[in-house]
């Protein structure tokens, strides 16, 4: 079930909307001001590292930022 993020052009409220399929089209309204002047925005999503359910942000050195290991496999 695709989830898309939208922003109201009238009040700047951001909200998520669920669709049954990527092809589904439906008229959307802002949940705060009920405006139909909305736009789809780029969504940032979390990603699991190593399949254990933990997420970590990587820095430019290759480590996860919480230790000095060069890969997150070294993080415990």
C-alpha atoms as a PDB file:
ATOM      1  CA  UNK A   1       0.000   0.000   0.000  1.00  0.00           C
ATOM      2  CA  UNK A   2       1.808   3.179  -1.177  1.00  0.00           C
ATOM      3  CA  UNK A   3       2.029   6.095   1.230  1.00  0.00           C
ATOM      4  CA  UNK A   4       2.624   9.551  -0.232  1.00  0.00           C
ATOM      5  CA  UNK A   5       3.386  12.835   1.520  1.00  0.00           C
ATOM      6  CA  UNK A   6       1.618  16.039   0.511  1.00  0.00           C
ATOM      7  CA  UNK A   7       1.776  19.700   1.493  1.00  0.00           C
ATOM      8  CA  UNK A   8      -1.071  22.197   1.413  1.00  0.00           C
ATOM      9  CA  UNK A   9      -0.225  25.301  -0.628  1.00  0.00           C
ATOM     10  CA  UNK A  10      -2.679  27.354   1.414  1.00  0.00           C
ATOM     11  CA  UNK A  11      -1.678  26.612   5.054  1.00  0.00           C
ATOM     12  CA  UNK A  12       1.607  24.654   4.521  1.00  0.00           C
ATOM     13  CA  UNK A  13       0.349  21.626   6.470  1.00  0.00           C
ATOM     14  CA  UNK A  14       2.171  18.394   5.593  1.00  0.00           C
ATOM     15  CA  UNK A  15       0.224  15.145   5.673  1.00  0.00           C
ATOM     16  CA  UNK A  16       0.437  11.540   4.490  1.00  0.00           C
ATOM     17  CA  UNK A  17      -2.119   9.790   2.343  1.00  0.00           C
ATOM     18  CA  UNK A  18      -2.509   6.036   1.815  1.00  0.00           C
ATOM     19  CA  UNK A  19      -3.436   4.570  -1.566  1.00  0.00           C
ATOM     20  CA  UNK A  20      -4.565   1.045  -2.394  1.00  0.00           C
ATOM     21  CA  UNK A  21      -2.261   1.029  -5.419  1.00  0.00           C
ATOM     22  CA  UNK A  22       0.223   3.359  -7.112  1.00  0.00           C
ATOM     23  CA  UNK A  23      -2.287   3.834  -9.963  1.00  0.00           C
ATOM     24  CA  UNK A  24      -5.128   4.955  -7.673  1.00  0.00           C
ATOM     25  CA  UNK A  25      -6.145   8.595  -8.120  1.00  0.00           C
ATOM     26  CA  UNK A  26      -8.419  10.370  -5.692  1.00  0.00           C
ATOM     27  CA  UNK A  27      -9.272  13.967  -4.892  1.00  0.00           C
ATOM     28  CA  UNK A  28      -7.343  15.077  -1.813  1.00  0.00           C
ATOM     29  CA  UNK A  29      -8.074  17.838   0.657  1.00  0.00           C
ATOM     30  CA  UNK A  30      -5.927  19.326   3.415  1.00  0.00           C
ATOM     31  CA  UNK A  31      -6.928  17.813   6.763  1.00  0.00           C
ATOM     32  CA  UNK A  32      -6.498  21.214   8.470  1.00  0.00           C
ATOM     33  CA  UNK A  33      -8.035  23.826   6.155  1.00  0.00           C
ATOM     34  CA  UNK A  34      -9.858  21.536   3.655  1.00  0.00           C
ATOM     35  CA  UNK A  35      -8.147  23.242   0.683  1.00  0.00           C
ATOM     36  CA  UNK A  36      -7.702  21.228  -2.491  1.00  0.00           C
ATOM     37  CA  UNK A  37      -4.563  23.216  -3.407  1.00  0.00           C
ATOM     38  CA  UNK A  38      -2.021  20.577  -2.437  1.00  0.00           C
ATOM     39  CA  UNK A  39       1.161  19.183  -3.929  1.00  0.00           C
ATOM     40  CA  UNK A  40       3.035  15.931  -3.572  1.00  0.00           C
ATOM     41  CA  UNK A  41       6.373  16.361  -1.813  1.00  0.00           C
ATOM     42  CA  UNK A  42       9.493  14.244  -1.689  1.00  0.00           C
ATOM     43  CA  UNK A  43       9.288  11.882   1.293  1.00  0.00           C
ATOM     44  CA  UNK A  44      12.249  10.767   3.362  1.00  0.00           C
ATOM     45  CA  UNK A  45      11.885   7.300   4.820  1.00  0.00           C
ATOM     46  CA  UNK A  46      13.802   5.288   7.399  1.00  0.00           C
ATOM     47  CA  UNK A  47      15.767   2.234   6.442  1.00  0.00           C
ATOM     48  CA  UNK A  48      16.831  -0.684   8.567  1.00  0.00           C
ATOM     49  CA  UNK A  49      20.561  -1.433   8.632  1.00  0.00           C
ATOM     50  CA  UNK A  50      21.630  -5.051   8.839  1.00  0.00           C
ATOM     51  CA  UNK A  51      18.087  -6.366   9.088  1.00  0.00           C
ATOM     52  CA  UNK A  52      17.942  -6.080  12.888  1.00  0.00           C
ATOM     53  CA  UNK A  53      15.449  -3.220  12.959  1.00  0.00           C
ATOM     54  CA  UNK A  54      17.965  -0.614  14.064  1.00  0.00           C
ATOM     55  CA  UNK A  55      18.578   2.375  11.853  1.00  0.00           C
ATOM     56  CA  UNK A  56      21.716   4.446  11.848  1.00  0.00           C
ATOM     57  CA  UNK A  57      22.944   7.413   9.897  1.00  0.00           C
ATOM     58  CA  UNK A  58      26.275   6.953   8.201  1.00  0.00           C
ATOM     59  CA  UNK A  59      28.915   9.634   8.171  1.00  0.00           C
ATOM     60  CA  UNK A  60      31.511  10.185   5.445  1.00  0.00           C
ATOM     61  CA  UNK A  61      34.062   7.947   7.203  1.00  0.00           C
ATOM     62  CA  UNK A  62      31.837   4.900   6.674  1.00  0.00           C
ATOM     63  CA  UNK A  63      30.979   4.391  10.341  1.00  0.00           C
ATOM     64  CA  UNK A  64      27.557   4.857  11.853  1.00  0.00           C
ATOM     65  CA  UNK A  65      28.605   7.790  14.013  1.00  0.00           C
ATOM     66  CA  UNK A  66      28.235   5.950  17.314  1.00  0.00           C
ATOM     67  CA  UNK A  67      31.540   4.061  17.129  1.00  0.00           C
ATOM     68  CA  UNK A  68      34.827   3.988  15.241  1.00  0.00           C
ATOM     69  CA  UNK A  69      34.158   0.838  13.190  1.00  0.00           C
ATOM     70  CA  UNK A  70      34.393   1.281   9.416  1.00  0.00           C
ATOM     71  CA  UNK A  71      31.113  -0.607   8.887  1.00  0.00           C
ATOM     72  CA  UNK A  72      27.939  -0.892  10.902  1.00  0.00           C
ATOM     73  CA  UNK A  73      28.578  -4.619  11.228  1.00  0.00           C
ATOM     74  CA  UNK A  74      31.082  -3.549  13.898  1.00  0.00           C
ATOM     75  CA  UNK A  75      28.351  -1.766  15.868  1.00  0.00           C
ATOM     76  CA  UNK A  76      26.721  -3.767  18.589  1.00  0.00           C
END
